[in-house]
Amino acid sequence: ATNECIILLNCFNWDELAIFMFDKTLKEGGVYHIWGHSWEIEKNHDWERLERVFKYISNKDGVNYVTNSELV
């Protein structure tokens, strides 16, 4: 857990943290959920970062992609 804490502390960019957490969930199992507000993405000019995360997490073997209602 110590190495993970160091990695998390070094993730100054939310997109890097999102990718790290996806990889962690993929390795350990569980549910990976992205939640945010479009107005924050717009305000911070983060559309490219969001696209980067979506591109990274999409079309992975062994991942079941579902909507919020399907998850429940």
Protein backbone atom coordinates (compact mmCIF):
# COMPACT_ATOMS: atom_id res chain seq x y z
CA ALA A 1 0.00 0.00 0.00
CA THR A 2 2.92 2.35 0.62
CA ASN A 3 3.98 2.34 -3.04
CA GLU A 4 0.40 3.11 -4.07
CA CYS A 5 0.31 6.08 -1.68
CA ILE A 6 3.50 7.45 -3.20
CA ILE A 7 2.11 6.99 -6.71
CA LEU A 8 -1.14 8.72 -5.73
CA LEU A 9 0.73 11.64 -4.21
CA ASN A 10 2.65 12.05 -7.46
CA CYS A 11 -0.56 12.23 -9.50
CA PHE A 12 -0.96 15.98 -9.76
CA ASN A 13 -3.18 15.63 -12.82
CA TRP A 14 -6.61 14.13 -12.40
CA ASP A 15 -6.31 12.29 -15.71
CA GLU A 16 -3.18 10.47 -14.53
CA LEU A 17 -4.95 9.56 -11.30
CA ALA A 18 -8.00 8.31 -13.25
CA ILE A 19 -5.81 6.05 -15.38
CA PHE A 20 -3.90 4.78 -12.35
CA MET A 21 -7.16 3.94 -10.55
CA PHE A 22 -8.52 2.18 -13.65
CA ASP A 23 -5.41 -0.02 -13.81
CA LYS A 24 -5.70 -0.74 -10.08
CA THR A 25 -9.35 -1.74 -10.42
CA LEU A 26 -8.56 -3.88 -13.46
CA LYS A 27 -5.85 -5.69 -11.50
CA GLU A 28 -7.69 -6.08 -8.18
CA GLY A 29 -11.30 -6.23 -9.33
CA GLY A 30 -14.20 -4.03 -8.43
CA VAL A 31 -16.12 -1.20 -10.03
CA TYR A 32 -14.45 1.75 -11.72
CA HIS A 33 -16.75 4.75 -12.01
CA ILE A 34 -16.03 8.15 -13.49
CA TRP A 35 -18.07 11.02 -12.18
CA GLY A 36 -17.72 14.70 -12.90
CA HIS A 37 -19.35 17.82 -14.25
CA SER A 38 -19.09 19.03 -17.82
CA TRP A 39 -18.99 22.63 -16.63
CA GLU A 40 -15.79 21.85 -14.67
CA ILE A 41 -14.23 20.20 -17.71
CA GLU A 42 -15.18 23.25 -19.78
CA LYS A 43 -14.01 25.75 -17.15
CA ASN A 44 -10.60 24.07 -16.88
CA HIS A 45 -10.25 23.33 -20.60
CA ASP A 46 -9.87 19.63 -19.78
CA TRP A 47 -11.65 18.05 -22.76
CA GLU A 48 -8.38 16.60 -24.09
CA ARG A 49 -7.63 15.07 -20.70
CA LEU A 50 -11.08 13.51 -20.55
CA GLU A 51 -10.66 12.15 -24.07
CA ARG A 52 -7.28 10.70 -23.05
CA VAL A 53 -8.88 8.85 -20.14
CA PHE A 54 -11.77 7.57 -22.25
CA LYS A 55 -9.39 6.40 -24.96
CA TYR A 56 -7.22 4.60 -22.40
CA ILE A 57 -10.08 2.81 -20.62
CA SER A 58 -12.10 1.88 -23.70
CA ASN A 59 -12.25 -1.51 -25.41
CA LYS A 60 -10.26 -3.43 -22.79
CA ASP A 61 -10.62 -7.21 -22.77
CA GLY A 62 -12.30 -8.56 -19.67
CA VAL A 63 -14.05 -5.30 -18.81
CA ASN A 64 -17.81 -5.15 -18.56
CA TYR A 65 -18.94 -1.62 -19.52
CA VAL A 66 -22.34 -0.69 -18.09
CA THR A 67 -24.47 2.35 -17.39
CA ASN A 68 -25.25 3.46 -13.84
CA SER A 69 -28.71 1.88 -13.99
CA GLU A 70 -27.28 -1.40 -15.30
CA LEU A 71 -24.80 -1.46 -12.42
CA VAL A 72 -27.57 -1.25 -9.84
